Protein backbone atom coordinates (compact mmCIF):
# COMPACT_ATOMS: atom_id res chain seq x y z
CA MET A 1 -21.98 -13.07 20.89
CA GLU A 2 -18.20 -13.42 20.67
CA VAL A 3 -17.07 -11.62 17.56
CA LYS A 4 -14.33 -9.09 17.01
CA LEU A 5 -15.96 -5.98 15.57
CA PHE A 6 -14.05 -2.87 14.52
CA VAL A 7 -15.90 0.37 13.76
CA VAL A 8 -14.03 2.58 11.28
CA ILE A 9 -14.87 6.30 11.10
CA VAL A 10 -13.30 9.01 8.96
CA THR A 11 -13.43 12.45 10.59
CA PHE A 12 -13.06 15.91 9.12
CA LYS A 13 -14.21 19.01 11.00
CA GLY A 14 -17.29 17.31 12.41
CA LYS A 15 -17.23 18.14 16.10
CA GLN A 16 -21.00 18.81 16.12
CA TRP A 17 -21.56 15.05 15.63
CA TYR A 18 -18.80 13.36 17.60
CA ASP A 19 -20.52 12.98 20.96
CA ARG A 20 -23.58 11.30 19.48
CA CYS A 21 -21.48 9.15 17.17
CA PHE A 22 -18.83 7.97 19.64
CA THR A 23 -21.17 7.67 22.63
CA SER A 24 -23.43 5.37 20.65
CA LEU A 25 -20.45 3.03 20.19
CA ARG A 26 -19.76 3.04 23.91
CA ASN A 27 -23.37 2.01 24.49
CA SER A 28 -23.32 -0.90 22.04
CA SER A 29 -24.72 -4.16 23.40
CA ILE A 30 -21.64 -5.93 22.05
CA PRO A 31 -18.13 -4.53 22.51
CA VAL A 32 -16.53 -2.68 19.62
CA GLN A 33 -13.06 -1.40 18.88
CA THR A 34 -13.19 2.02 17.28
CA VAL A 35 -10.67 3.28 14.74
CA VAL A 36 -10.81 6.93 13.68
CA ILE A 37 -8.86 8.30 10.74
CA ASP A 38 -8.75 12.07 10.90
CA ASN A 39 -8.33 13.76 7.53
CA ALA A 40 -6.14 16.67 8.72
CA SER A 41 -8.90 18.56 10.55
CA ASN A 42 -7.82 21.94 11.90
CA ASP A 43 -10.77 22.46 14.24
CA GLY A 44 -9.43 20.65 17.29
CA THR A 45 -10.88 17.26 16.33
CA VAL A 46 -7.76 15.32 17.28
CA ASP A 47 -7.41 16.91 20.72
CA PHE A 48 -11.14 16.49 21.36
CA ILE A 49 -11.02 12.77 20.64
CA LYS A 50 -7.88 12.21 22.68
CA GLU A 51 -9.37 14.01 25.68
CA HIS A 52 -12.94 12.70 25.63
CA TYR A 53 -12.65 9.30 23.90
CA PRO A 54 -9.24 7.87 24.85
CA GLU A 55 -10.37 4.33 23.99
CA ILE A 56 -10.40 5.23 20.29
CA HIS A 57 -7.43 4.21 18.17
CA LEU A 58 -6.69 7.45 16.34
CA ILE A 59 -4.84 7.62 13.03
CA GLU A 60 -3.83 11.18 12.20
CA SER A 61 -3.38 11.90 8.51
CA MET A 62 -1.29 14.92 7.59
CA GLU A 63 -3.44 15.46 4.49
CA ASN A 64 -7.06 15.02 3.50
CA LEU A 65 -7.06 11.57 1.94
CA GLY A 66 -10.74 11.63 1.06
CA PHE A 67 -13.30 9.04 2.10
CA GLY A 68 -12.01 5.89 0.43
CA LYS A 69 -8.27 6.11 1.10
CA ALA A 70 -8.83 7.10 4.73
CA ASN A 71 -11.23 4.21 5.30
CA ASN A 72 -8.66 1.86 3.78
CA LEU A 73 -6.24 2.76 6.58
CA GLY A 74 -8.82 1.80 9.19
CA ILE A 75 -9.80 -1.38 7.37
CA ARG A 76 -6.16 -2.43 7.12
CA TYR A 77 -5.71 -1.84 10.86
CA ALA A 78 -8.79 -3.93 11.64
CA LEU A 79 -7.63 -6.80 9.42
CA ASP A 80 -4.16 -6.73 10.98
CA HIS A 81 -5.81 -7.04 14.40
CA GLU A 82 -7.85 -10.10 13.42
CA CYS A 83 -11.29 -8.56 13.00
CA ASP A 84 -14.30 -10.69 12.20
CA TYR A 85 -16.29 -7.69 10.98
CA VAL A 86 -15.68 -4.05 10.08
CA PHE A 87 -18.47 -1.52 10.36
CA LEU A 88 -17.98 1.66 8.36
CA LEU A 89 -19.76 4.59 10.00
CA ASN A 90 -19.95 8.21 8.88
CA GLN A 91 -18.97 10.88 11.39
CA ASP A 92 -22.48 12.34 11.04
CA ALA A 93 -24.17 9.06 11.92
CA TRP A 94 -24.78 7.00 15.03
CA VAL A 95 -26.32 3.67 15.96
CA GLU A 96 -28.76 2.13 18.40
CA GLU A 97 -27.63 -0.03 21.30
CA ASP A 98 -28.55 -3.27 19.49
CA THR A 99 -27.68 -2.29 15.89
CA PHE A 100 -24.46 -4.27 15.68
CA GLU A 101 -25.80 -7.27 17.56
CA LYS A 102 -28.78 -7.54 15.21
CA LEU A 103 -26.75 -7.02 12.03
CA ILE A 104 -24.17 -9.65 12.92
CA GLY A 105 -26.89 -12.07 13.97
CA ILE A 106 -28.57 -11.61 10.59
CA HIS A 107 -25.31 -12.09 8.72
CA LEU A 108 -24.55 -15.33 10.55
CA LYS A 109 -27.81 -16.68 9.09
CA HIS A 110 -27.35 -15.09 5.65
CA THR A 111 -23.67 -15.44 4.85
CA GLU A 112 -24.26 -14.88 1.14
CA TYR A 113 -24.40 -11.15 1.91
CA GLY A 114 -21.13 -9.25 1.51
CA ILE A 115 -22.56 -5.99 2.85
CA LEU A 116 -25.40 -5.38 5.28
CA SER A 117 -26.80 -1.97 6.12
CA PRO A 118 -29.30 -0.84 8.75
CA ILE A 119 -32.18 1.42 7.84
CA HIS A 120 -31.12 5.08 8.01
CA LEU A 121 -33.35 7.49 9.92
CA ASN A 122 -33.09 11.27 9.90
CA ALA A 123 -31.54 13.07 12.87
CA LYS A 124 -34.88 13.62 14.62
CA LYS A 125 -36.01 10.03 14.00
CA THR A 126 -39.19 11.33 12.41
CA GLY A 127 -38.62 9.66 9.06
CA LEU A 128 -36.18 7.91 6.79
CA GLU A 129 -33.07 9.67 5.61
CA LYS A 130 -34.10 11.37 2.36
CA GLY A 131 -31.36 9.77 0.29
CA LEU A 132 -32.25 6.29 1.48
CA ILE A 133 -35.86 6.66 0.36
CA ASN A 134 -34.70 7.21 -3.22
CA TYR A 135 -32.92 3.84 -3.41
CA LEU A 136 -35.42 1.79 -1.44
CA ASP A 137 -38.34 3.14 -3.48
CA ASP A 138 -36.75 2.01 -6.76
CA GLY A 139 -37.89 -1.52 -7.60
CA LYS A 140 -34.99 -1.85 -10.05
CA ILE A 141 -32.51 -1.37 -7.21
CA THR A 142 -34.13 -2.85 -4.11
CA ASP A 143 -36.25 -5.97 -3.66
CA LYS A 144 -39.74 -4.65 -4.46
CA LEU A 145 -41.27 -6.91 -1.80
CA LEU A 146 -39.88 -4.62 0.93
CA PHE A 147 -42.79 -2.20 0.85
CA GLU A 148 -45.40 -4.91 0.28
CA ASP A 149 -44.10 -6.85 3.27
CA LEU A 150 -44.01 -3.67 5.33
CA PHE A 151 -47.68 -2.99 4.57
CA PHE A 152 -48.74 -6.52 5.49
CA GLY A 153 -46.54 -6.73 8.59
CA ARG A 154 -44.40 -9.62 7.41
CA LEU A 155 -40.95 -8.06 7.15
CA LYS A 156 -38.02 -10.36 6.49
CA GLU A 157 -34.66 -9.88 8.19
CA VAL A 158 -32.90 -8.69 5.06
CA TYR A 159 -33.80 -7.42 1.59
CA GLU A 160 -31.40 -7.41 -1.31
CA THR A 161 -30.48 -4.07 -2.86
CA LYS A 162 -28.04 -2.96 -5.54
CA TYR A 163 -27.24 0.28 -3.76
CA VAL A 164 -27.08 1.70 -0.27
CA ASN A 165 -24.63 4.44 0.62
CA ALA A 166 -21.59 3.65 2.76
CA ALA A 167 -22.68 5.71 5.77
CA ALA A 168 -23.30 2.51 7.77
CA TRP A 169 -21.96 -0.69 6.23
CA LEU A 170 -21.26 -3.99 7.96
CA LEU A 171 -18.44 -5.75 6.11
CA PRO A 172 -17.60 -9.34 7.06
CA ARG A 173 -13.94 -10.29 6.92
CA ARG A 174 -14.63 -12.52 3.91
CA THR A 175 -15.82 -9.49 1.93
CA LEU A 176 -12.64 -7.57 2.69
CA GLU A 177 -10.40 -10.50 1.88
CA THR A 178 -12.20 -11.04 -1.43
CA VAL A 179 -13.04 -7.51 -2.60
CA GLY A 180 -10.38 -5.47 -0.79
CA GLY A 181 -10.69 -1.80 0.07
CA PHE A 182 -11.95 1.28 -1.73
CA ASP A 183 -10.45 2.03 -5.14
CA PRO A 184 -8.15 5.08 -4.83
CA ILE A 185 -9.14 6.26 -8.32
CA PHE A 186 -12.05 7.97 -6.50
CA SER A 187 -11.27 11.04 -4.41
CA HIS A 188 -14.75 11.69 -3.02
CA TYR A 189 -18.13 10.31 -4.16
CA GLY A 190 -18.50 7.27 -6.39
CA GLU A 191 -16.31 4.98 -4.31
CA ASP A 192 -19.30 3.27 -2.71
CA ASP A 193 -20.90 2.64 -6.13
CA ASN A 194 -17.66 1.09 -7.29
CA TYR A 195 -17.37 -1.11 -4.20
CA LEU A 196 -20.92 -2.38 -4.58
CA HIS A 197 -20.21 -3.26 -8.21
CA ARG A 198 -17.20 -5.29 -7.08
CA VAL A 199 -19.15 -7.07 -4.34
CA SER A 200 -21.69 -8.12 -6.96
CA PHE A 201 -18.96 -9.21 -9.38
CA HIS A 202 -17.54 -11.50 -6.71
CA GLU A 203 -20.99 -13.09 -6.33
CA MET A 204 -21.96 -11.62 -2.98
CA LYS A 205 -25.14 -9.72 -2.17
CA THR A 206 -25.83 -6.37 -0.56
CA GLY A 207 -28.76 -6.06 1.82
CA VAL A 208 -30.73 -3.68 4.01
CA CYS A 209 -32.12 -4.86 7.35
CA PRO A 210 -35.41 -3.20 8.39
CA SER A 211 -35.08 -4.20 12.06
CA CYS A 212 -31.70 -2.48 12.43
CA ILE A 213 -31.39 1.29 12.81
CA ALA A 214 -28.74 3.93 12.23
CA VAL A 215 -29.30 7.68 12.33
CA HIS A 216 -27.75 9.75 9.54
CA ASP A 217 -27.79 13.53 9.95
CA THR A 218 -27.53 14.54 6.30
CA GLU A 219 -29.62 17.69 6.71
CA ARG A 220 -26.69 19.57 8.27
CA ARG A 221 -24.32 18.73 5.47
CA ILE A 222 -23.54 20.48 2.19
CA THR A 223 -26.35 21.59 -0.10
CA ALA A 224 -27.36 19.64 -3.17
CA ALA A 225 -25.83 22.33 -5.38
CA ASP A 226 -22.49 22.10 -3.57
CA LYS A 227 -22.54 18.33 -3.82
CA LYS A 228 -23.16 18.51 -7.57
CA VAL A 229 -20.04 20.62 -7.98
CA GLN A 230 -17.97 18.28 -5.79
CA THR A 231 -19.06 15.06 -7.48
CA GLY A 232 -17.70 16.24 -10.83
CA ASN A 233 -17.12 13.15 -12.92
CA ALA A 234 -17.62 10.65 -10.07
CA GLU A 235 -20.75 9.13 -11.62
CA LEU A 236 -19.01 8.75 -14.98
CA LEU A 237 -15.99 7.21 -13.28
CA ALA A 238 -18.20 4.77 -11.37
CA GLU A 239 -19.87 3.77 -14.63
CA VAL A 240 -16.68 3.11 -16.60
CA THR A 241 -15.01 1.23 -13.73
CA ASN A 242 -18.01 -1.08 -13.23
CA VAL A 243 -16.43 -4.51 -13.64
CA ASN A 244 -19.84 -6.07 -14.32
CA ASN A 245 -20.07 -4.24 -17.67
CA PRO A 246 -17.70 -4.39 -20.67
CA VAL A 247 -16.15 -1.02 -21.46
CA MET A 248 -13.86 0.15 -24.28
CA ILE A 249 -12.34 3.42 -23.13
CA SER A 250 -10.94 4.25 -26.56
CA GLY A 251 -14.37 3.71 -28.08
CA LEU A 252 -16.01 5.96 -25.49
CA CYS A 253 -13.45 8.69 -26.11
CA PHE A 254 -14.11 8.55 -29.84
CA TYR A 255 -17.88 8.54 -29.28
CA HIS A 256 -17.77 11.74 -27.22
CA PHE A 257 -15.35 13.34 -29.69
CA ARG A 258 -17.79 12.69 -32.56
CA LYS A 259 -20.73 13.98 -30.50
CA ALA A 260 -18.80 17.13 -29.59
CA MET A 261 -17.97 17.83 -33.24
CA SER A 262 -21.54 17.18 -34.42
CA LYS A 263 -22.94 19.62 -31.82
CA PHE A 264 -20.24 22.18 -32.57
CA VAL A 265 -21.03 22.40 -36.31
CA VAL A 266 -24.67 23.21 -35.55
CA PHE A 267 -23.63 25.77 -32.90
CA LYS A 268 -25.03 23.82 -29.95
CA MET A 269 -22.16 24.92 -27.79
CA PRO A 270 -23.30 23.75 -24.30
CA GLN A 271 -23.83 20.19 -25.56
CA ALA A 272 -20.58 20.33 -27.54
CA MET A 273 -18.63 21.42 -24.47
CA MET A 274 -20.24 18.72 -22.33
CA HIS A 275 -19.11 15.96 -24.71
CA TRP A 276 -15.69 17.59 -25.18
CA LYS A 277 -15.05 17.70 -21.42
CA THR A 278 -16.21 14.10 -21.03
CA MET A 279 -13.89 13.01 -23.83
CA ARG A 280 -10.92 14.84 -22.28
CA PHE A 281 -11.65 13.38 -18.84
CA LEU A 282 -11.82 9.82 -20.19
CA CYS A 283 -8.65 10.20 -22.23
CA LYS A 284 -6.76 11.72 -19.31
CA ASN A 285 -7.80 8.92 -16.96
CA ALA A 286 -7.79 6.02 -19.44
CA LYS A 287 -4.69 4.37 -17.97
CA ALA A 288 -5.99 4.58 -14.39
CA ILE A 289 -9.43 3.27 -15.44
CA LYS A 290 -7.90 0.26 -17.19
CA ARG A 291 -5.75 -0.50 -14.15
CA SER A 292 -8.76 -0.16 -11.86
CA ARG A 293 -10.78 -2.65 -13.89
CA LYS A 294 -7.86 -5.10 -14.07
CA VAL A 295 -7.22 -5.04 -10.31
CA ASN A 296 -10.85 -5.13 -9.20
CA VAL A 297 -11.72 -8.39 -10.93
CA MET A 298 -9.02 -10.20 -8.97
CA PRO A 299 -9.94 -11.50 -5.48
CA GLY A 300 -7.72 -10.30 -2.68
CA LEU A 301 -6.79 -7.42 -0.39
CA ASN A 302 -6.79 -4.91 -3.24
CA TRP A 303 -5.88 -1.30 -2.38
CA LEU A 304 -5.13 -2.22 1.25
CA SER A 305 -1.36 -2.63 1.12
């Protein structure tokens, strides 16, 4: 299979995963070119990669760019070097020997898909990654025939889904040239939701492939409570930048202002503060949200310049 595949990985203080992640790329049944963008780690990540994995093209950022902006640097590099596909891989994930070969083979037969993802297993390979189960088990998000076909032993190569996290995404060049990169309005969390919305807007599908495997070691990451603090308004931002839905930012600001006032006069202070903070966030970011929506409906290499 003669394709030019670039694997893009963003690193940040993740030395406990690097050997499994990078070694799995060395063992791929088809050759890959690996691009790592290090987000200003101070734990020796850069020196470790240079010493043990000299084949990796390493981009050293002097600041933590976050997930989306850092990935954009790797995607731009891959496009400039005539990639056919880019595979986005988390630093805490790794692949099987035939993962890339299978995914690309499936895409060549199903070119309507703008994103393909393998199934994510937990680190011990004793079950599915917990987060993945939540999306796949939702019939409103993922093709409900997946579990029926699994039971009856008639699995298809790919099943359409509206959401799968960006820990292991195969992106064909056409997707990148049409949708672009990650929207920099997101610092961390929400950028994958936004990208999936844009893929759908540009009339491409997202799919999961049951015969393809990646391992995602989420159990050694931050706790759910920590993640809730870090996500902040990411879900709200993903909702209001969804180019598939009409949004009037001024109307939303006024709605939350009215709700805040109505809760305040009856002394329901927690609810009042929630609406007040939402209103302030939307007003503060209104200009950036409008720009995001304007840019993301246009086909092209958005956010990759």
